[in-house]
């Protein structure tokens, strides 16, 4: 006697109440979501051809590409004391090599490009200064350092080299808009005293 085999219907099989199959499907769905939502790649989103050098002593931000210098903008900082940032609240601009990790249009300062401060280098300097007693033991390193514009109609702060930020780099609004449109996330930013 010849019996005809029924075609395999996975959905009907799942609905039939086979708990082992349901468990496997739930596990497969979980693994799929996990691998789709987990980042196994570098935090640098783009391989930017540009890099920025901020010279605090000259109050300048210069943009370079692989062929060389492109443009220089006037900038201001936080504290009149242009030395390296020590801790949160000192209003100093940190020195070192950073990366622009996000960009957004900002309601107060026109455009904002967030740096990855504190970096491992920043943390090591901070901890060393704590050990040396240069900063209080309960001091914090801070964060949220970026490049941004000025308050509306306050470009004169940059024109007059009036430091006003909490440690960020401030540019005239028309300049920060140009920079924002020019450079991608992932651009390296070197901040130095001179």
Protein backbone atom coordinates (compact mmCIF):
# COMPACT_ATOMS: atom_id res chain seq x y z
CA UNK A 1 0.00 0.00 0.00
CA UNK A 2 1.29 3.38 -1.00
CA UNK A 3 0.83 6.30 1.40
CA UNK A 4 1.19 9.88 0.29
CA UNK A 5 3.45 12.05 2.39
CA UNK A 6 2.01 15.36 3.48
CA UNK A 7 4.10 18.42 2.62
CA UNK A 8 5.98 19.92 5.53
CA UNK A 9 4.17 22.98 6.80
CA UNK A 10 6.34 24.70 9.42
CA UNK A 11 3.68 27.18 10.51
CA UNK A 12 1.12 24.44 11.04
CA UNK A 13 3.74 22.48 12.93
CA UNK A 14 4.47 25.46 15.23
CA UNK A 15 0.77 26.07 15.81
CA UNK A 16 0.28 22.42 16.68
CA UNK A 17 1.81 23.09 20.05
CA UNK A 18 5.29 21.64 19.66
CA UNK A 19 7.05 23.45 22.49
CA UNK A 20 10.52 22.39 21.36
CA UNK A 21 10.00 24.11 18.00
CA UNK A 22 8.61 27.23 19.71
CA UNK A 23 11.68 27.42 21.93
CA UNK A 24 13.97 27.12 18.94
CA UNK A 25 12.10 29.86 17.11
CA UNK A 26 12.22 32.18 20.11
CA UNK A 27 15.95 31.51 20.48
CA UNK A 28 16.51 32.15 16.75
CA UNK A 29 14.54 35.42 16.92
CA UNK A 30 16.50 36.53 20.00
CA UNK A 31 19.84 35.73 18.35
CA UNK A 32 18.80 37.54 15.17
CA UNK A 33 17.83 40.69 17.10
CA UNK A 34 20.98 40.47 19.24
CA UNK A 35 23.33 40.27 16.26
CA UNK A 36 21.48 42.94 14.30
CA UNK A 37 21.47 45.41 17.19
CA UNK A 38 24.93 44.75 18.57
CA UNK A 39 27.82 46.82 17.28
CA UNK A 40 30.92 44.79 16.51
CA UNK A 41 32.54 47.59 14.52
CA UNK A 42 34.68 50.56 15.38
CA UNK A 43 33.01 53.58 16.96
CA UNK A 44 34.44 55.71 14.16
CA UNK A 45 31.59 56.05 11.71
CA UNK A 46 33.51 57.52 8.78
CA UNK A 47 37.07 57.50 7.63
CA UNK A 48 37.31 61.27 7.29
CA UNK A 49 39.82 62.73 4.83
CA UNK A 50 39.88 65.90 6.96
CA UNK A 51 41.51 66.78 10.24
CA UNK A 52 41.34 69.88 12.41
CA UNK A 53 44.08 71.62 14.40
CA UNK A 54 43.02 74.02 17.15
CA UNK A 55 45.77 76.39 18.28
CA UNK A 56 44.63 77.92 21.57
CA UNK A 57 47.42 80.53 21.77
CA UNK A 58 46.51 81.86 18.31
CA UNK A 59 42.72 81.47 18.82
CA UNK A 60 42.55 79.56 15.52
CA UNK A 61 40.88 76.42 14.17
CA UNK A 62 42.46 75.18 10.92
CA UNK A 63 41.06 72.49 8.62
CA UNK A 64 43.31 70.23 6.54
CA UNK A 65 42.74 67.53 3.95
CA UNK A 66 45.30 65.09 2.45
CA UNK A 67 46.59 67.85 0.14
CA UNK A 68 47.15 70.32 3.00
CA UNK A 69 45.62 73.42 4.58
CA UNK A 70 42.09 74.40 3.53
CA UNK A 71 40.79 77.15 5.83
CA UNK A 72 41.37 78.80 9.21
CA UNK A 73 38.65 80.25 11.46
CA UNK A 74 38.89 82.44 14.57
CA UNK A 75 37.69 80.71 17.74
CA UNK A 76 37.35 81.29 21.48
CA UNK A 77 37.35 78.96 24.47
CA UNK A 78 36.19 78.84 28.08
CA UNK A 79 38.69 80.15 30.57
CA UNK A 80 41.19 82.97 29.92
CA UNK A 81 43.77 80.52 31.28
CA UNK A 82 44.52 78.60 28.09
CA UNK A 83 46.38 75.72 29.76
CA UNK A 84 45.07 72.14 29.57
CA UNK A 85 41.78 71.18 31.23
CA UNK A 86 42.31 69.79 34.72
CA UNK A 87 38.81 68.83 35.86
CA UNK A 88 35.10 69.40 35.43
CA UNK A 89 34.07 72.99 36.11
CA UNK A 90 37.44 74.68 35.44
CA UNK A 91 36.10 76.00 32.08
CA UNK A 92 39.40 75.07 30.37
CA UNK A 93 39.57 73.47 26.94
CA UNK A 94 41.24 70.04 26.94
CA UNK A 95 44.37 69.34 24.91
CA UNK A 96 45.05 66.18 22.95
CA UNK A 97 43.75 64.29 19.94
CA UNK A 98 40.00 63.78 19.78
CA UNK A 99 37.38 62.61 17.29
CA UNK A 100 34.07 64.21 16.33
CA UNK A 101 31.55 61.56 17.37
CA UNK A 102 28.28 63.34 16.57
CA UNK A 103 26.89 66.44 14.91
CA UNK A 104 23.58 68.20 15.48
CA UNK A 105 21.79 71.46 14.89
CA UNK A 106 21.68 73.17 18.28
CA UNK A 107 18.88 75.40 19.56
CA UNK A 108 21.24 77.77 21.41
CA UNK A 109 24.59 77.59 19.60
CA UNK A 110 23.57 76.99 15.96
CA UNK A 111 25.60 73.81 15.32
CA UNK A 112 27.28 71.40 17.74
CA UNK A 113 29.99 68.82 16.99
CA UNK A 114 30.64 66.60 20.02
CA UNK A 115 34.17 65.39 20.73
CA UNK A 116 34.97 62.04 22.34
CA UNK A 117 36.38 63.73 25.45
CA UNK A 118 37.46 62.22 27.76
CA UNK A 119 39.72 59.88 25.81
CA UNK A 120 41.96 57.28 27.42
CA UNK A 121 44.82 59.81 27.22
CA UNK A 122 42.64 62.42 28.99
CA UNK A 123 41.73 59.95 31.74
CA UNK A 124 45.38 59.01 32.29
CA UNK A 125 46.42 62.69 32.59
CA UNK A 126 43.51 63.34 34.95
CA UNK A 127 44.38 60.39 37.22
CA UNK A 128 48.07 61.35 37.26
CA UNK A 129 47.21 64.92 38.28
CA UNK A 130 44.97 63.57 41.04
CA UNK A 131 47.80 61.37 42.30
CA UNK A 132 50.15 64.38 42.27
CA UNK A 133 47.62 66.40 44.26
CA UNK A 134 47.19 68.99 41.49
CA UNK A 135 43.42 68.54 41.63
CA UNK A 136 41.13 67.54 44.50
CA UNK A 137 40.63 63.83 45.15
CA UNK A 138 36.86 64.19 44.65
CA UNK A 139 37.21 66.08 41.33
CA UNK A 140 35.52 64.68 38.22
CA UNK A 141 36.94 64.73 34.70
CA UNK A 142 33.88 66.20 32.93
CA UNK A 143 32.50 65.57 29.45
CA UNK A 144 30.37 67.19 26.75
CA UNK A 145 33.23 69.10 25.08
CA UNK A 146 32.56 70.13 21.51
CA UNK A 147 32.82 72.71 18.75
CA UNK A 148 29.83 75.03 18.42
CA UNK A 149 28.61 78.48 17.43
CA UNK A 150 27.66 81.40 19.65
CA UNK A 151 24.38 82.56 21.11
CA UNK A 152 22.27 84.26 18.39
CA UNK A 153 23.76 87.65 17.45
CA UNK A 154 26.81 87.12 19.72
CA UNK A 155 29.45 86.55 17.02
CA UNK A 156 31.21 89.64 18.43
CA UNK A 157 32.45 87.39 21.29
CA UNK A 158 34.60 85.57 18.75
CA UNK A 159 35.56 88.76 16.91
CA UNK A 160 36.74 90.25 20.25
CA UNK A 161 38.41 87.00 21.44
CA UNK A 162 36.19 86.89 24.54
CA UNK A 163 36.34 83.40 26.07
CA UNK A 164 32.89 82.44 27.34
CA UNK A 165 32.27 78.68 27.10
CA UNK A 166 32.52 75.96 29.74
CA UNK A 167 35.50 74.45 27.91
CA UNK A 168 34.15 74.07 24.38
CA UNK A 169 35.48 75.70 21.23
CA UNK A 170 33.18 78.45 19.95
CA UNK A 171 33.08 79.83 16.41
CA UNK A 172 31.07 82.53 14.64
CA UNK A 173 27.77 81.01 13.53
CA UNK A 174 28.43 81.39 9.79
CA UNK A 175 31.82 79.72 10.28
CA UNK A 176 30.46 76.82 12.35
CA UNK A 177 27.78 76.22 9.71
CA UNK A 178 30.47 76.04 6.99
CA UNK A 179 32.59 73.67 9.09
CA UNK A 180 29.55 71.55 9.99
CA UNK A 181 28.72 71.09 6.30
CA UNK A 182 32.35 70.35 5.37
CA UNK A 183 33.47 67.71 7.83
CA UNK A 184 31.94 64.32 8.67
CA UNK A 185 31.62 62.49 11.96
CA UNK A 186 34.94 60.72 12.51
CA UNK A 187 37.09 63.80 11.81
CA UNK A 188 40.17 64.00 14.06
CA UNK A 189 40.61 67.18 16.13
CA UNK A 190 44.02 68.05 17.57
CA UNK A 191 43.84 70.68 20.32
CA UNK A 192 47.11 72.21 21.47
CA UNK A 193 48.29 75.28 23.33
CA UNK A 194 50.50 76.53 20.46
